[in-house]
N, C-alpha and C. Protein backbone atom coordinates (compact mmCIF):
# COMPACT_ATOMS: atom_id res chain seq x y z
N MET A 1 104.49 94.81 149.56
CA MET A 1 104.06 95.39 148.30
C MET A 1 105.26 95.47 147.36
N THR A 2 105.06 95.16 146.08
CA THR A 2 106.12 95.15 145.08
C THR A 2 106.22 96.51 144.41
N GLU A 3 107.45 96.94 144.16
CA GLU A 3 107.69 98.22 143.49
C GLU A 3 107.84 97.98 141.98
N TYR A 4 107.26 98.89 141.19
CA TYR A 4 107.34 98.82 139.73
C TYR A 4 107.82 100.17 139.20
N ILE A 5 108.57 100.14 138.14
CA ILE A 5 108.98 101.35 137.43
C ILE A 5 108.20 101.39 136.13
N VAL A 6 107.50 102.51 135.89
CA VAL A 6 106.70 102.68 134.69
C VAL A 6 107.31 103.81 133.88
N LYS A 7 107.72 103.52 132.64
CA LYS A 7 108.29 104.53 131.75
C LYS A 7 107.23 104.93 130.73
N LEU A 8 106.90 106.23 130.68
CA LEU A 8 105.90 106.75 129.76
C LEU A 8 106.55 107.39 128.54
N GLY A 9 105.89 107.28 127.41
CA GLY A 9 106.30 107.99 126.21
C GLY A 9 105.12 108.80 125.70
N PHE A 10 105.36 110.00 125.19
CA PHE A 10 104.28 110.82 124.65
C PHE A 10 104.87 111.86 123.71
N TRP A 11 104.00 112.43 122.91
CA TRP A 11 104.39 113.46 121.96
C TRP A 11 104.04 114.83 122.53
N LEU A 12 104.90 115.79 122.28
CA LEU A 12 104.62 117.19 122.59
C LEU A 12 104.62 117.96 121.28
N ARG A 13 103.74 118.93 121.17
CA ARG A 13 103.73 119.78 119.98
C ARG A 13 104.85 120.81 120.13
N ALA A 14 105.65 120.95 119.08
CA ALA A 14 106.75 121.90 119.08
C ALA A 14 106.60 122.83 117.88
N TYR A 15 107.09 124.05 118.03
CA TYR A 15 107.00 125.05 116.98
C TYR A 15 108.39 125.61 116.69
N ASP A 16 108.66 125.89 115.44
CA ASP A 16 109.91 126.49 115.03
C ASP A 16 109.63 127.43 113.87
N SER A 17 110.54 128.29 113.54
CA SER A 17 110.39 129.20 112.40
C SER A 17 111.62 129.12 111.53
N ILE A 18 111.39 129.29 110.24
CA ILE A 18 112.48 129.33 109.28
C ILE A 18 112.20 130.48 108.32
N THR A 19 113.23 131.02 107.72
CA THR A 19 113.08 132.08 106.73
C THR A 19 113.54 131.55 105.39
N ILE A 20 112.71 131.76 104.37
CA ILE A 20 113.06 131.33 103.01
C ILE A 20 112.88 132.51 102.06
N GLU A 21 113.43 132.39 100.88
CA GLU A 21 113.22 133.37 99.81
C GLU A 21 112.73 132.62 98.59
N ALA A 22 111.80 133.24 97.84
CA ALA A 22 111.26 132.61 96.64
C ALA A 22 110.75 133.69 95.70
N ASN A 23 110.60 133.31 94.43
CA ASN A 23 110.12 134.24 93.40
C ASN A 23 108.61 134.27 93.26
N SER A 24 107.92 133.32 93.86
CA SER A 24 106.45 133.27 93.75
C SER A 24 105.89 132.51 94.95
N ASP A 25 104.57 132.62 95.13
CA ASP A 25 103.92 131.88 96.21
C ASP A 25 104.11 130.38 96.04
N THR A 26 103.97 129.90 94.82
CA THR A 26 104.13 128.47 94.55
C THR A 26 105.55 128.01 94.88
N ALA A 27 106.53 128.80 94.47
CA ALA A 27 107.92 128.47 94.78
C ALA A 27 108.17 128.53 96.29
N ALA A 28 107.52 129.47 96.97
CA ALA A 28 107.67 129.59 98.43
C ALA A 28 107.13 128.34 99.13
N ILE A 29 106.00 127.83 98.65
CA ILE A 29 105.43 126.62 99.24
C ILE A 29 106.38 125.45 99.09
N GLU A 30 106.94 125.28 97.91
CA GLU A 30 107.87 124.18 97.66
C GLU A 30 109.16 124.34 98.48
N ALA A 31 109.67 125.56 98.53
CA ALA A 31 110.88 125.82 99.32
C ALA A 31 110.63 125.60 100.81
N ALA A 32 109.43 125.96 101.25
CA ALA A 32 109.07 125.76 102.66
C ALA A 32 109.02 124.28 103.00
N LYS A 33 108.51 123.45 102.09
CA LYS A 33 108.47 122.01 102.33
C LYS A 33 109.88 121.44 102.49
N VAL A 34 110.80 121.87 101.63
CA VAL A 34 112.18 121.40 101.72
C VAL A 34 112.81 121.85 103.03
N ALA A 35 112.62 123.12 103.37
CA ALA A 35 113.20 123.66 104.60
C ALA A 35 112.58 123.01 105.83
N ALA A 36 111.28 122.72 105.77
CA ALA A 36 110.60 122.08 106.91
C ALA A 36 111.14 120.67 107.14
N LYS A 37 111.36 119.92 106.06
CA LYS A 37 111.93 118.58 106.21
C LYS A 37 113.30 118.65 106.85
N ARG A 38 114.10 119.62 106.42
CA ARG A 38 115.43 119.79 106.99
C ARG A 38 115.33 120.14 108.48
N ALA A 39 114.40 121.02 108.83
CA ALA A 39 114.22 121.42 110.23
C ALA A 39 113.75 120.24 111.08
N MET A 40 112.88 119.39 110.53
CA MET A 40 112.38 118.23 111.27
C MET A 40 113.49 117.23 111.56
N GLU A 41 114.48 117.14 110.67
CA GLU A 41 115.59 116.21 110.85
C GLU A 41 116.67 116.77 111.77
N SER A 42 116.59 118.04 112.09
CA SER A 42 117.58 118.69 112.92
C SER A 42 117.45 118.24 114.38
N ALA A 43 118.57 118.18 115.05
CA ALA A 43 118.57 117.85 116.47
C ALA A 43 118.57 119.09 117.36
N SER A 44 118.49 120.28 116.73
CA SER A 44 118.52 121.52 117.51
C SER A 44 117.19 121.74 118.23
N GLN A 45 117.23 122.55 119.27
CA GLN A 45 116.06 122.87 120.08
C GLN A 45 115.08 123.73 119.29
N PRO A 46 113.79 123.37 119.24
CA PRO A 46 112.82 124.24 118.57
C PRO A 46 112.58 125.51 119.38
N GLU A 47 111.94 126.49 118.75
CA GLU A 47 111.64 127.77 119.44
C GLU A 47 110.74 127.57 120.65
N HIS A 48 109.74 126.70 120.50
CA HIS A 48 108.74 126.55 121.57
C HIS A 48 108.27 125.11 121.62
N ILE A 49 108.12 124.57 122.82
CA ILE A 49 107.53 123.25 123.03
C ILE A 49 106.31 123.44 123.92
N ASP A 50 105.16 122.99 123.44
CA ASP A 50 103.91 123.12 124.18
C ASP A 50 103.79 121.97 125.16
N THR A 51 104.05 122.24 126.42
CA THR A 51 103.99 121.19 127.43
C THR A 51 102.62 121.10 128.09
N ASP A 52 101.68 121.95 127.67
CA ASP A 52 100.35 121.94 128.27
C ASP A 52 99.48 120.79 127.79
N ASP A 53 99.75 120.25 126.60
CA ASP A 53 98.87 119.22 126.05
C ASP A 53 99.70 118.07 125.51
N ARG A 54 99.98 117.10 126.37
CA ARG A 54 100.72 115.91 125.93
C ARG A 54 99.79 115.06 125.08
N ARG A 55 100.34 114.44 124.05
CA ARG A 55 99.53 113.71 123.07
C ARG A 55 100.03 112.29 122.87
N GLU A 56 99.12 111.42 122.50
CA GLU A 56 99.39 110.06 122.08
C GLU A 56 100.33 109.35 123.06
N GLY A 57 99.85 109.11 124.25
CA GLY A 57 100.68 108.47 125.26
C GLY A 57 100.76 106.97 125.09
N ILE A 58 101.87 106.41 125.53
CA ILE A 58 102.06 104.97 125.57
C ILE A 58 102.92 104.66 126.79
N ILE A 59 102.66 103.54 127.42
CA ILE A 59 103.55 103.06 128.48
C ILE A 59 104.66 102.30 127.76
N ALA A 60 105.86 102.85 127.76
CA ALA A 60 106.97 102.24 127.05
C ALA A 60 107.32 100.88 127.66
N TYR A 61 107.34 100.83 128.99
CA TYR A 61 107.55 99.56 129.66
C TYR A 61 107.16 99.65 131.12
N ILE A 62 106.95 98.50 131.73
CA ILE A 62 106.77 98.37 133.18
C ILE A 62 107.77 97.32 133.63
N ASP A 63 108.63 97.68 134.57
CA ASP A 63 109.60 96.75 135.14
C ASP A 63 109.27 96.51 136.60
N ARG A 64 109.40 95.26 137.02
CA ARG A 64 109.25 94.90 138.44
C ARG A 64 110.63 95.03 139.08
N VAL A 65 110.70 95.71 140.20
CA VAL A 65 111.95 95.91 140.92
C VAL A 65 112.09 94.80 141.95
N THR A 66 113.19 94.06 141.85
CA THR A 66 113.47 93.01 142.84
C THR A 66 114.65 93.46 143.68
N ALA A 67 115.04 92.66 144.63
CA ALA A 67 116.13 93.03 145.53
C ALA A 67 117.44 93.29 144.80
N ASP A 68 117.69 92.56 143.71
CA ASP A 68 118.97 92.71 143.04
C ASP A 68 118.87 93.00 141.55
N SER A 69 117.67 93.24 141.04
CA SER A 69 117.54 93.53 139.60
C SER A 69 116.19 94.14 139.28
N ARG A 70 116.02 94.39 137.99
CA ARG A 70 114.71 94.81 137.45
C ARG A 70 114.31 93.78 136.42
N GLU A 71 113.05 93.37 136.44
CA GLU A 71 112.56 92.39 135.48
C GLU A 71 111.42 93.02 134.69
N GLN A 72 111.49 92.92 133.36
CA GLN A 72 110.45 93.50 132.53
C GLN A 72 109.15 92.71 132.68
N VAL A 73 108.05 93.46 132.89
CA VAL A 73 106.73 92.86 132.97
C VAL A 73 106.04 92.93 131.61
N ILE A 74 106.10 94.11 130.97
CA ILE A 74 105.44 94.33 129.69
C ILE A 74 106.03 95.58 129.05
N GLU A 75 105.83 95.73 127.73
CA GLU A 75 106.27 96.95 127.04
C GLU A 75 105.23 97.35 126.01
N ALA A 76 105.30 98.61 125.59
CA ALA A 76 104.43 99.17 124.54
C ALA A 76 102.95 98.94 124.83
N VAL A 77 102.48 99.50 125.95
CA VAL A 77 101.08 99.35 126.35
C VAL A 77 100.33 100.65 126.07
N PRO A 78 99.41 100.66 125.10
CA PRO A 78 98.62 101.87 124.86
C PRO A 78 97.65 102.08 126.02
N PHE A 79 97.48 103.32 126.43
CA PHE A 79 96.52 103.62 127.48
C PHE A 79 95.69 104.85 127.16
N ASP A 80 96.00 105.49 126.04
CA ASP A 80 95.38 106.76 125.68
C ASP A 80 94.96 106.68 124.23
N GLU A 81 93.84 107.31 123.90
CA GLU A 81 93.44 107.30 122.50
C GLU A 81 94.43 108.11 121.67
N ASP A 82 94.58 107.71 120.44
CA ASP A 82 95.53 108.36 119.53
C ASP A 82 94.89 109.61 118.95
N ARG A 83 95.28 110.77 119.47
CA ARG A 83 94.69 112.03 118.99
C ARG A 83 95.50 112.64 117.86
N ILE A 84 96.67 112.07 117.57
CA ILE A 84 97.49 112.60 116.48
C ILE A 84 97.11 111.91 115.17
N HIS A 85 96.92 110.61 115.22
CA HIS A 85 96.62 109.83 114.02
C HIS A 85 95.34 109.03 114.24
N PRO A 86 94.19 109.69 114.41
CA PRO A 86 92.96 108.93 114.66
C PRO A 86 92.58 108.05 113.48
N GLN A 87 91.99 106.91 113.78
CA GLN A 87 91.55 105.99 112.74
C GLN A 87 90.31 106.56 112.04
N PRO A 88 90.22 106.41 110.71
CA PRO A 88 89.04 106.90 109.99
C PRO A 88 87.77 106.26 110.54
N GLY A 89 86.75 107.08 110.72
CA GLY A 89 85.47 106.60 111.24
C GLY A 89 85.47 106.34 112.72
N GLY A 90 86.58 106.68 113.41
CA GLY A 90 86.71 106.37 114.83
C GLY A 90 86.47 107.51 115.72
């Protein structure tokens, strides 16, 4: 029997909090958008990562293991429906 290595990729929902100050609700919304973009670009650990519901899975690759190497069989294989970005009418 041949051995294969399967690498999975998936999204996890993460939550973070930021504090902003603004002079009005409208200004708060705009300031929150700017702060949210900055937080999304950050490499720091979010407050919470929801590991209970993995989303939008893909098989990143499948490699066949041989006696002296690994050989790629395939990459980027969808196996799960896209629940994050569903197609319209789908």
